Amino acid sequence: YFREGQIIYTYLHLAAEKDLTDALLAKKTKAVAYETI
């Protein structure tokens, strides 16, 4: 469902989620992590 320019606002914990990180980058999604605000 990811798409370019869409904002995903949630807990991400990307340092433990390589596949998710790759998917967000590939789809050029704007990922905003609760845990680093």
PDB file of all heavy atoms in Angstrom:
ATOM      1  N   TYR A   1       0.813  -1.219   0.000  1.00  0.00           N
ATOM      2  CA  TYR A   1       0.000   0.000   0.000  1.00  0.00           C
ATOM      3  C   TYR A   1       0.847   1.271   0.000  1.00  0.00           C
ATOM      4  O   TYR A   1       0.317   2.365  -0.207  1.00  0.00           O
ATOM      5  CB  TYR A   1      -0.918   0.019   1.216  1.00  0.00           C
ATOM      6  CG  TYR A   1      -1.859  -1.158   1.314  1.00  0.00           C
ATOM      7  CD1 TYR A   1      -2.008  -1.863   2.509  1.00  0.00           C
ATOM      8  CD2 TYR A   1      -2.621  -1.565   0.214  1.00  0.00           C
ATOM      9  CE1 TYR A   1      -2.887  -2.933   2.609  1.00  0.00           C
ATOM     10  CE2 TYR A   1      -3.494  -2.644   0.315  1.00  0.00           C
ATOM     11  CZ  TYR A   1      -3.612  -3.319   1.517  1.00  0.00           C
ATOM     12  OH  TYR A   1      -4.482  -4.381   1.610  1.00  0.00           O
ATOM     13  N   PHE A   2       2.155   1.145   0.287  1.00  0.00           N
ATOM     14  CA  PHE A   2       3.003   2.333   0.341  1.00  0.00           C
ATOM     15  C   PHE A   2       3.006   3.030  -1.018  1.00  0.00           C
ATOM     16  O   PHE A   2       3.011   2.377  -2.060  1.00  0.00           O
ATOM     17  CB  PHE A   2       4.447   1.969   0.694  1.00  0.00           C
ATOM     18  CG  PHE A   2       4.646   1.374   2.060  1.00  0.00           C
ATOM     19  CD1 PHE A   2       5.893   0.890   2.427  1.00  0.00           C
ATOM     20  CD2 PHE A   2       3.618   1.303   2.987  1.00  0.00           C
ATOM     21  CE1 PHE A   2       6.103   0.335   3.683  1.00  0.00           C
ATOM     22  CE2 PHE A   2       3.818   0.749   4.238  1.00  0.00           C
ATOM     23  CZ  PHE A   2       5.066   0.261   4.586  1.00  0.00           C
ATOM     24  N   ARG A   3       3.065   4.351  -0.988  1.00  0.00           N
ATOM     25  CA  ARG A   3       3.190   5.078  -2.253  1.00  0.00           C
ATOM     26  C   ARG A   3       3.999   6.357  -2.048  1.00  0.00           C
ATOM     27  O   ARG A   3       4.113   6.874  -0.925  1.00  0.00           O
ATOM     28  CB  ARG A   3       1.827   5.394  -2.852  1.00  0.00           C
ATOM     29  CG  ARG A   3       0.994   6.401  -2.104  1.00  0.00           C
ATOM     30  CD  ARG A   3      -0.287   6.727  -2.869  1.00  0.00           C
ATOM     31  NE  ARG A   3      -0.990   7.855  -2.291  1.00  0.00           N
ATOM     32  CZ  ARG A   3      -1.894   7.762  -1.329  1.00  0.00           C
ATOM     33  NH1 ARG A   3      -2.209   6.571  -0.844  1.00  0.00           N
ATOM     34  NH2 ARG A   3      -2.474   8.845  -0.850  1.00  0.00           N
ATOM     35  N   GLU A   4       4.542   6.839  -3.125  1.00  0.00           N
ATOM     36  CA  GLU A   4       5.390   8.013  -3.084  1.00  0.00           C
ATOM     37  C   GLU A   4       4.637   9.223  -2.544  1.00  0.00           C
ATOM     38  O   GLU A   4       3.503   9.493  -2.949  1.00  0.00           O
ATOM     39  CB  GLU A   4       5.920   8.328  -4.488  1.00  0.00           C
ATOM     40  CG  GLU A   4       6.915   9.479  -4.524  1.00  0.00           C
ATOM     41  CD  GLU A   4       7.555   9.669  -5.883  1.00  0.00           C
ATOM     42  OE1 GLU A   4       7.376   8.797  -6.751  1.00  0.00           O
ATOM     43  OE2 GLU A   4       8.249  10.693  -6.072  1.00  0.00           O
ATOM     44  N   GLY A   5       5.267   9.913  -1.611  1.00  0.00           N
ATOM     45  CA  GLY A   5       4.689  11.138  -1.062  1.00  0.00           C
ATOM     46  C   GLY A   5       3.743  10.930   0.103  1.00  0.00           C
ATOM     47  O   GLY A   5       3.403  11.897   0.792  1.00  0.00           O
ATOM     48  N   GLN A   6       3.294   9.708   0.338  1.00  0.00           N
ATOM     49  CA  GLN A   6       2.373   9.457   1.453  1.00  0.00           C
ATOM     50  C   GLN A   6       3.124   9.524   2.782  1.00  0.00           C
ATOM     51  O   GLN A   6       4.271   9.078   2.889  1.00  0.00           O
ATOM     52  CB  GLN A   6       1.720   8.090   1.303  1.00  0.00           C
ATOM     53  CG  GLN A   6       0.646   7.786   2.347  1.00  0.00           C
ATOM     54  CD  GLN A   6      -0.008   6.444   2.105  1.00  0.00           C
ATOM     55  OE1 GLN A   6       0.676   5.430   1.951  1.00  0.00           O
ATOM     56  NE2 GLN A   6      -1.328   6.424   2.034  1.00  0.00           N
ATOM     57  N   ILE A   7       2.479  10.088   3.794  1.00  0.00           N
ATOM     58  CA  ILE A   7       3.061  10.177   5.129  1.00  0.00           C
ATOM     59  C   ILE A   7       2.565   9.000   5.963  1.00  0.00           C
ATOM     60  O   ILE A   7       1.354   8.746   6.032  1.00  0.00           O
ATOM     61  CB  ILE A   7       2.663  11.492   5.823  1.00  0.00           C
ATOM     62  CG1 ILE A   7       3.117  12.704   4.999  1.00  0.00           C
ATOM     63  CG2 ILE A   7       3.241  11.561   7.237  1.00  0.00           C
ATOM     64  CD1 ILE A   7       2.478  14.011   5.437  1.00  0.00           C
ATOM     65  N   ILE A   8       3.487   8.280   6.574  1.00  0.00           N
ATOM     66  CA  ILE A   8       3.128   7.230   7.532  1.00  0.00           C
ATOM     67  C   ILE A   8       3.634   7.685   8.895  1.00  0.00           C
ATOM     68  O   ILE A   8       4.835   7.906   9.091  1.00  0.00           O
ATOM     69  CB  ILE A   8       3.732   5.870   7.148  1.00  0.00           C
ATOM     70  CG1 ILE A   8       3.202   5.426   5.790  1.00  0.00           C
ATOM     71  CG2 ILE A   8       3.409   4.830   8.220  1.00  0.00           C
ATOM     72  CD1 ILE A   8       3.786   4.119   5.292  1.00  0.00           C
ATOM     73  N   TYR A   9       2.718   7.845   9.819  1.00  0.00           N
ATOM     74  CA  TYR A   9       2.977   8.439  11.135  1.00  0.00           C
ATOM     75  C   TYR A   9       2.671   7.372  12.184  1.00  0.00           C
ATOM     76  O   TYR A   9       1.501   7.063  12.461  1.00  0.00           O
ATOM     77  CB  TYR A   9       2.082   9.666  11.287  1.00  0.00           C
ATOM     78  CG  TYR A   9       2.192  10.468  12.559  1.00  0.00           C
ATOM     79  CD1 TYR A   9       3.418  10.914  13.049  1.00  0.00           C
ATOM     80  CD2 TYR A   9       1.038  10.839  13.260  1.00  0.00           C
ATOM     81  CE1 TYR A   9       3.497  11.689  14.198  1.00  0.00           C
ATOM     82  CE2 TYR A   9       1.102  11.616  14.400  1.00  0.00           C
ATOM     83  CZ  TYR A   9       2.339  12.033  14.871  1.00  0.00           C
ATOM     84  OH  TYR A   9       2.407  12.807  16.012  1.00  0.00           O
ATOM     85  N   THR A  10       3.726   6.764  12.760  1.00  0.00           N
ATOM     86  CA  THR A  10       3.527   5.622  13.645  1.00  0.00           C
ATOM     87  C   THR A  10       4.838   5.290  14.351  1.00  0.00           C
ATOM     88  O   THR A  10       5.871   5.920  14.097  1.00  0.00           O
ATOM     89  CB  THR A  10       3.041   4.394  12.838  1.00  0.00           C
ATOM     90  OG1 THR A  10       2.670   3.348  13.734  1.00  0.00           O
ATOM     91  CG2 THR A  10       4.119   3.874  11.891  1.00  0.00           C
ATOM     92  N   TYR A  11       4.824   4.285  15.245  1.00  0.00           N
ATOM     93  CA  TYR A  11       6.071   3.707  15.721  1.00  0.00           C
ATOM     94  C   TYR A  11       6.678   2.891  14.585  1.00  0.00           C
ATOM     95  O   TYR A  11       5.978   2.096  13.948  1.00  0.00           O
ATOM     96  CB  TYR A  11       5.829   2.793  16.925  1.00  0.00           C
ATOM     97  CG  TYR A  11       5.505   3.517  18.207  1.00  0.00           C
ATOM     98  CD1 TYR A  11       4.301   3.303  18.856  1.00  0.00           C
ATOM     99  CD2 TYR A  11       6.416   4.398  18.782  1.00  0.00           C
ATOM    100  CE1 TYR A  11       3.991   3.960  20.043  1.00  0.00           C
ATOM    101  CE2 TYR A  11       6.118   5.069  19.965  1.00  0.00           C
ATOM    102  CZ  TYR A  11       4.904   4.840  20.584  1.00  0.00           C
ATOM    103  OH  TYR A  11       4.614   5.496  21.751  1.00  0.00           O
ATOM    104  N   LEU A  12       7.966   3.075  14.336  1.00  0.00           N
ATOM    105  CA  LEU A  12       8.627   2.380  13.230  1.00  0.00           C
ATOM    106  C   LEU A  12       9.743   1.451  13.701  1.00  0.00           C
ATOM    107  O   LEU A  12       9.881   0.338  13.187  1.00  0.00           O
ATOM    108  CB  LEU A  12       9.183   3.395  12.227  1.00  0.00           C
ATOM    109  CG  LEU A  12       8.130   4.144  11.414  1.00  0.00           C
ATOM    110  CD1 LEU A  12       8.760   5.288  10.636  1.00  0.00           C
ATOM    111  CD2 LEU A  12       7.417   3.193  10.451  1.00  0.00           C
ATOM    112  N   HIS A  13      10.584   1.889  14.639  1.00  0.00           N
ATOM    113  CA  HIS A  13      11.690   1.070  15.154  1.00  0.00           C
ATOM    114  C   HIS A  13      12.498   0.459  14.012  1.00  0.00           C
ATOM    115  O   HIS A  13      12.752  -0.742  13.965  1.00  0.00           O
ATOM    116  CB  HIS A  13      11.149  -0.026  16.079  1.00  0.00           C
ATOM    117  CG  HIS A  13      10.404   0.497  17.269  1.00  0.00           C
ATOM    118  ND1 HIS A  13      11.024   1.163  18.312  1.00  0.00           N
ATOM    119  CD2 HIS A  13       9.078   0.469  17.583  1.00  0.00           C
ATOM    120  CE1 HIS A  13      10.123   1.512  19.214  1.00  0.00           C
ATOM    121  NE2 HIS A  13       8.941   1.114  18.793  1.00  0.00           N
ATOM    122  N   LEU A  14      12.891   1.302  13.061  1.00  0.00           N
ATOM    123  CA  LEU A  14      13.507   0.817  11.829  1.00  0.00           C
ATOM    124  C   LEU A  14      14.849   0.124  12.044  1.00  0.00           C
ATOM    125  O   LEU A  14      15.235  -0.720  11.226  1.00  0.00           O
ATOM    126  CB  LEU A  14      13.686   1.978  10.841  1.00  0.00           C
ATOM    127  CG  LEU A  14      12.394   2.601  10.290  1.00  0.00           C
ATOM    128  CD1 LEU A  14      12.726   3.669   9.256  1.00  0.00           C
ATOM    129  CD2 LEU A  14      11.481   1.547   9.680  1.00  0.00           C
ATOM    130  N   ALA A  15      15.567   0.447  13.109  1.00  0.00           N
ATOM    131  CA  ALA A  15      16.873  -0.174  13.332  1.00  0.00           C
ATOM    132  C   ALA A  15      16.774  -1.681  13.534  1.00  0.00           C
ATOM    133  O   ALA A  15      17.767  -2.395  13.426  1.00  0.00           O
ATOM    134  CB  ALA A  15      17.573   0.466  14.528  1.00  0.00           C
ATOM    135  N   ALA A  16      15.562  -2.169  13.800  1.00  0.00           N
ATOM    136  CA  ALA A  16      15.339  -3.617  13.924  1.00  0.00           C
ATOM    137  C   ALA A  16      14.485  -4.143  12.778  1.00  0.00           C
ATOM    138  O   ALA A  16      14.037  -5.296  12.817  1.00  0.00           O
ATOM    139  CB  ALA A  16      14.667  -3.931  15.265  1.00  0.00           C
ATOM    140  N   GLU A  17      14.260  -3.309  11.740  1.00  0.00           N
ATOM    141  CA  GLU A  17      13.323  -3.679  10.665  1.00  0.00           C
ATOM    142  C   GLU A  17      13.930  -3.334   9.295  1.00  0.00           C
ATOM    143  O   GLU A  17      13.554  -2.365   8.661  1.00  0.00           O
ATOM    144  CB  GLU A  17      11.990  -2.933  10.860  1.00  0.00           C
ATOM    145  CG  GLU A  17      11.268  -3.244  12.158  1.00  0.00           C
ATOM    146  CD  GLU A  17      10.658  -4.643  12.170  1.00  0.00           C
ATOM    147  OE1 GLU A  17      10.581  -5.268  11.091  1.00  0.00           O
ATOM    148  OE2 GLU A  17      10.266  -5.085  13.259  1.00  0.00           O
ATOM    149  N   LYS A  18      14.882  -4.138   8.837  1.00  0.00           N
ATOM    150  CA  LYS A  18      15.551  -3.861   7.565  1.00  0.00           C
ATOM    151  C   LYS A  18      14.582  -3.932   6.384  1.00  0.00           C
ATOM    152  O   LYS A  18      14.612  -3.074   5.478  1.00  0.00           O
ATOM    153  CB  LYS A  18      16.689  -4.866   7.355  1.00  0.00           C
ATOM    154  CG  LYS A  18      17.470  -4.691   6.049  1.00  0.00           C
ATOM    155  CD  LYS A  18      18.210  -3.372   5.995  1.00  0.00           C
ATOM    156  CE  LYS A  18      19.327  -3.361   4.951  1.00  0.00           C
ATOM    157  NZ  LYS A  18      18.884  -3.655   3.589  1.00  0.00           N
ATOM    158  N   ASP A  19      13.706  -4.935   6.352  1.00  0.00           N
ATOM    159  CA  ASP A  19      12.774  -5.079   5.227  1.00  0.00           C
ATOM    160  C   ASP A  19      11.833  -3.882   5.139  1.00  0.00           C
ATOM    161  O   ASP A  19      11.543  -3.391   4.042  1.00  0.00           O
ATOM    162  CB  ASP A  19      11.962  -6.367   5.353  1.00  0.00           C
ATOM    163  CG  ASP A  19      12.801  -7.613   5.119  1.00  0.00           C
ATOM    164  OD1 ASP A  19      13.927  -7.477   4.601  1.00  0.00           O
ATOM    165  OD2 ASP A  19      12.336  -8.720   5.449  1.00  0.00           O
ATOM    166  N   LEU A  20      11.356  -3.411   6.285  1.00  0.00           N
ATOM    167  CA  LEU A  20      10.473  -2.245   6.303  1.00  0.00           C
ATOM    168  C   LEU A  20      11.224  -1.005   5.834  1.00  0.00           C
ATOM    169  O   LEU A  20      10.698  -0.214   5.049  1.00  0.00           O
ATOM    170  CB  LEU A  20       9.917  -2.031   7.717  1.00  0.00           C
ATOM    171  CG  LEU A  20       9.101  -0.757   7.955  1.00  0.00           C
ATOM    172  CD1 LEU A  20       7.917  -0.674   7.009  1.00  0.00           C
ATOM    173  CD2 LEU A  20       8.637  -0.689   9.410  1.00  0.00           C
ATOM    174  N   THR A  21      12.447  -0.849   6.297  1.00  0.00           N
ATOM    175  CA  THR A  21      13.261   0.294   5.867  1.00  0.00           C
ATOM    176  C   THR A  21      13.433   0.289   4.350  1.00  0.00           C
ATOM    177  O   THR A  21      13.244   1.316   3.684  1.00  0.00           O
ATOM    178  CB  THR A  21      14.644   0.261   6.552  1.00  0.00           C
ATOM    179  OG1 THR A  21      14.460   0.238   7.968  1.00  0.00           O
ATOM    180  CG2 THR A  21      15.474   1.467   6.171  1.00  0.00           C
ATOM    181  N   ASP A  22      13.774  -0.859   3.806  1.00  0.00           N
ATOM    182  CA  ASP A  22      13.959  -0.971   2.353  1.00  0.00           C
ATOM    183  C   ASP A  22      12.677  -0.642   1.601  1.00  0.00           C
ATOM    184  O   ASP A  22      12.707   0.040   0.568  1.00  0.00           O
ATOM    185  CB  ASP A  22      14.413  -2.387   1.985  1.00  0.00           C
ATOM    186  CG  ASP A  22      15.841  -2.683   2.426  1.00  0.00           C
ATOM    187  OD1 ASP A  22      16.593  -1.726   2.662  1.00  0.00           O
ATOM    188  OD2 ASP A  22      16.186  -3.878   2.542  1.00  0.00           O
ATOM    189  N   ALA A  23      11.548  -1.116   2.114  1.00  0.00           N
ATOM    190  CA  ALA A  23      10.262  -0.876   1.436  1.00  0.00           C
ATOM    191  C   ALA A  23       9.896   0.605   1.460  1.00  0.00           C
ATOM    192  O   ALA A  23       9.424   1.162   0.461  1.00  0.00           O
ATOM    193  CB  ALA A  23       9.161  -1.704   2.094  1.00  0.00           C
ATOM    194  N   LEU A  24      10.105   1.264   2.579  1.00  0.00           N
ATOM    195  CA  LEU A  24       9.798   2.696   2.687  1.00  0.00           C
ATOM    196  C   LEU A  24      10.669   3.515   1.734  1.00  0.00           C
ATOM    197  O   LEU A  24      10.196   4.454   1.095  1.00  0.00           O
ATOM    198  CB  LEU A  24      10.007   3.173   4.120  1.00  0.00           C
ATOM    199  CG  LEU A  24       9.018   2.637   5.170  1.00  0.00           C
ATOM    200  CD1 LEU A  24       9.525   2.944   6.574  1.00  0.00           C
ATOM    201  CD2 LEU A  24       7.632   3.219   4.965  1.00  0.00           C
ATOM    202  N   LEU A  25      11.933   3.135   1.639  1.00  0.00           N
ATOM    203  CA  LEU A  25      12.839   3.851   0.744  1.00  0.00           C
ATOM    204  C   LEU A  25      12.489   3.599  -0.718  1.00  0.00           C
ATOM    205  O   LEU A  25      12.492   4.525  -1.537  1.00  0.00           O
ATOM    206  CB  LEU A  25      14.290   3.442   1.028  1.00  0.00           C
ATOM    207  CG  LEU A  25      14.837   3.832   2.397  1.00  0.00           C
ATOM    208  CD1 LEU A  25      16.230   3.231   2.606  1.00  0.00           C
ATOM    209  CD2 LEU A  25      14.898   5.343   2.568  1.00  0.00           C
ATOM    210  N   ALA A  26      12.172   2.346  -1.042  1.00  0.00           N
ATOM    211  CA  ALA A  26      11.860   2.000  -2.428  1.00  0.00           C
ATOM    212  C   ALA A  26      10.605   2.713  -2.917  1.00  0.00           C
ATOM    213  O   ALA A  26      10.527   3.140  -4.078  1.00  0.00           O
ATOM    214  CB  ALA A  26      11.693   0.486  -2.561  1.00  0.00           C
ATOM    215  N   LYS A  27       9.621   2.853  -2.028  1.00  0.00           N
ATOM    216  CA  LYS A  27       8.358   3.498  -2.415  1.00  0.00           C
ATOM    217  C   LYS A  27       8.390   5.015  -2.224  1.00  0.00           C
ATOM    218  O   LYS A  27       7.404   5.694  -2.508  1.00  0.00           O
ATOM    219  CB  LYS A  27       7.210   2.897  -1.600  1.00  0.00           C
ATOM    220  CG  LYS A  27       6.943   1.419  -1.865  1.00  0.00           C
ATOM    221  CD  LYS A  27       6.422   1.187  -3.279  1.00  0.00           C
ATOM    222  CE  LYS A  27       6.090  -0.283  -3.511  1.00  0.00           C
ATOM    223  NZ  LYS A  27       4.904  -0.730  -2.787  1.00  0.00           N
ATOM    224  N   LYS A  28       9.512   5.543  -1.739  1.00  0.00           N
ATOM    225  CA  LYS A  28       9.682   6.987  -1.520  1.00  0.00           C
ATOM    226  C   LYS A  28       8.596   7.561  -0.608  1.00  0.00           C
ATOM    227  O   LYS A  28       8.062   8.644  -0.813  1.00  0.00           O
ATOM    228  CB  LYS A  28       9.719   7.737  -2.847  1.00  0.00           C
ATOM    229  CG  LYS A  28      10.889   7.347  -3.723  1.00  0.00           C
ATOM    230  CD  LYS A  28      10.974   8.204  -4.982  1.00  0.00           C
ATOM    231  CE  LYS A  28      12.219   7.855  -5.793  1.00  0.00           C
ATOM    232  NZ  LYS A  28      12.331   8.679  -7.015  1.00  0.00           N
ATOM    233  N   THR A  29       8.295   6.778   0.428  1.00  0.00           N
ATOM    234  CA  THR A  29       7.297   7.176   1.422  1.00  0.00           C
ATOM    235  C   THR A  29       7.938   8.104   2.462  1.00  0.00           C
ATOM    236  O   THR A  29       9.125   8.021   2.745  1.00  0.00           O
ATOM    237  CB  THR A  29       6.743   5.916   2.113  1.00  0.00           C
ATOM    238  OG1 THR A  29       6.216   5.039   1.124  1.00  0.00           O
ATOM    239  CG2 THR A  29       5.644   6.262   3.092  1.00  0.00           C
ATOM    240  N   LYS A  30       7.129   8.991   3.016  1.00  0.00           N
ATOM    241  CA  LYS A  30       7.586   9.890   4.078  1.00  0.00           C
ATOM    242  C   LYS A  30       7.235   9.245   5.423  1.00  0.00           C
ATOM    243  O   LYS A  30       6.067   9.218   5.817  1.00  0.00           O
ATOM    244  CB  LYS A  30       6.915  11.252   3.949  1.00  0.00           C
ATOM    245  CG  LYS A  30       7.176  11.935   2.601  1.00  0.00           C
ATOM    246  CD  LYS A  30       6.330  13.195   2.444  1.00  0.00           C
ATOM    247  CE  LYS A  30       6.514  13.826   1.073  1.00  0.00           C
ATOM    248  NZ  LYS A  30       5.658  15.042   0.892  1.00  0.00           N
ATOM    249  N   ALA A  31       8.244   8.695   6.091  1.00  0.00           N
ATOM    250  CA  ALA A  31       8.016   7.921   7.307  1.00  0.00           C
ATOM    251  C   ALA A  31       8.408   8.741   8.532  1.00  0.00           C
ATOM    252  O   ALA A  31       9.570   9.121   8.685  1.00  0.00           O
ATOM    253  CB  ALA A  31       8.822   6.627   7.262  1.00  0.00           C
ATOM    254  N   VAL A  32       7.428   9.002   9.389  1.00  0.00           N
ATOM    255  CA  VAL A  32       7.652   9.797  10.603  1.00  0.00           C
ATOM    256  C   VAL A  32       7.467   8.868  11.803  1.00  0.00           C
ATOM    257  O   VAL A  32       6.388   8.327  12.023  1.00  0.00           O
ATOM    258  CB  VAL A  32       6.671  10.980  10.681  1.00  0.00           C
ATOM    259  CG1 VAL A  32       6.976  11.832  11.912  1.00  0.00           C
ATOM    260  CG2 VAL A  32       6.744  11.833   9.415  1.00  0.00           C
ATOM    261  N   ALA A  33       8.526   8.708  12.574  1.00  0.00           N
ATOM    262  CA  ALA A  33       8.534   7.752  13.681  1.00  0.00           C
ATOM    263  C   ALA A  33       8.207   8.432  15.002  1.00  0.00           C
ATOM    264  O   ALA A  33       8.886   9.384  15.401  1.00  0.00           O
ATOM    265  CB  ALA A  33       9.903   7.073  13.773  1.00  0.00           C
ATOM    266  N   TYR A  34       7.184   7.937  15.669  1.00  0.00           N
ATOM    267  CA  TYR A  34       6.850   8.464  16.987  1.00  0.00           C
ATOM    268  C   TYR A  34       8.071   8.473  17.914  1.00  0.00           C
ATOM    269  O   TYR A  34       8.275   9.408  18.686  1.00  0.00           O
ATOM    270  CB  TYR A  34       5.785   7.593  17.659  1.00  0.00           C
ATOM    271  CG  TYR A  34       4.407   7.582  17.047  1.00  0.00           C
ATOM    272  CD1 TYR A  34       3.517   6.547  17.362  1.00  0.00           C
ATOM    273  CD2 TYR A  34       3.968   8.581  16.187  1.00  0.00           C
ATOM    274  CE1 TYR A  34       2.233   6.524  16.843  1.00  0.00           C
ATOM    275  CE2 TYR A  34       2.695   8.559  15.657  1.00  0.00           C
ATOM    276  CZ  TYR A  34       1.823   7.522  15.987  1.00  0.00           C
ATOM    277  OH  TYR A  34       0.559   7.487  15.469  1.00  0.00           O
ATOM    278  N   GLU A  35       8.848   7.372  17.840  1.00  0.00           N
ATOM    279  CA  GLU A  35       9.886   7.159  18.844  1.00  0.00           C
ATOM    280  C   GLU A  35      11.100   8.065  18.685  1.00  0.00           C
ATOM    281  O   GLU A  35      11.981   8.071  19.554  1.00  0.00           O
ATOM    282  CB  GLU A  35      10.330   5.689  18.865  1.00  0.00           C
ATOM    283  CG  GLU A  35      11.163   5.230  17.677  1.00  0.00           C
ATOM    284  CD  GLU A  35      10.328   4.773  16.490  1.00  0.00           C
ATOM    285  OE1 GLU A  35       9.092   4.968  16.512  1.00  0.00           O
ATOM    286  OE2 GLU A  35      10.918   4.220  15.552  1.00  0.00           O
ATOM    287  N   THR A  36      11.191   8.829  17.586  1.00  0.00           N
ATOM    288  CA  THR A  36      12.340   9.738  17.448  1.00  0.00           C
ATOM    289  C   THR A  36      11.942  11.209  17.422  1.00  0.00           C
ATOM    290  O   THR A  36      12.805  12.078  17.325  1.00  0.00           O
ATOM    291  CB  THR A  36      13.173   9.402  16.186  1.00  0.00           C
ATOM    292  OG1 THR A  36      12.397   9.607  15.006  1.00  0.00           O
ATOM    293  CG2 THR A  36      13.683   7.974  16.235  1.00  0.00           C
ATOM    294  N   ILE A  37      10.648  11.511  17.495  1.00  0.00           N
ATOM    295  CA  ILE A  37      10.234  12.903  17.686  1.00  0.00           C
ATOM    296  C   ILE A  37      10.680  13.338  19.084  1.00  0.00           C
ATOM    297  O   ILE A  37      10.512  12.606  20.056  1.00  0.00           O
ATOM    298  CB  ILE A  37       8.714  13.052  17.523  1.00  0.00           C
ATOM    299  CG1 ILE A  37       8.325  12.881  16.040  1.00  0.00           C
ATOM    300  CG2 ILE A  37       8.226  14.404  18.034  1.00  0.00           C
ATOM    301  CD1 ILE A  37       6.835  12.946  15.782  1.00  0.00           C
TER     302      ILE A  37
END
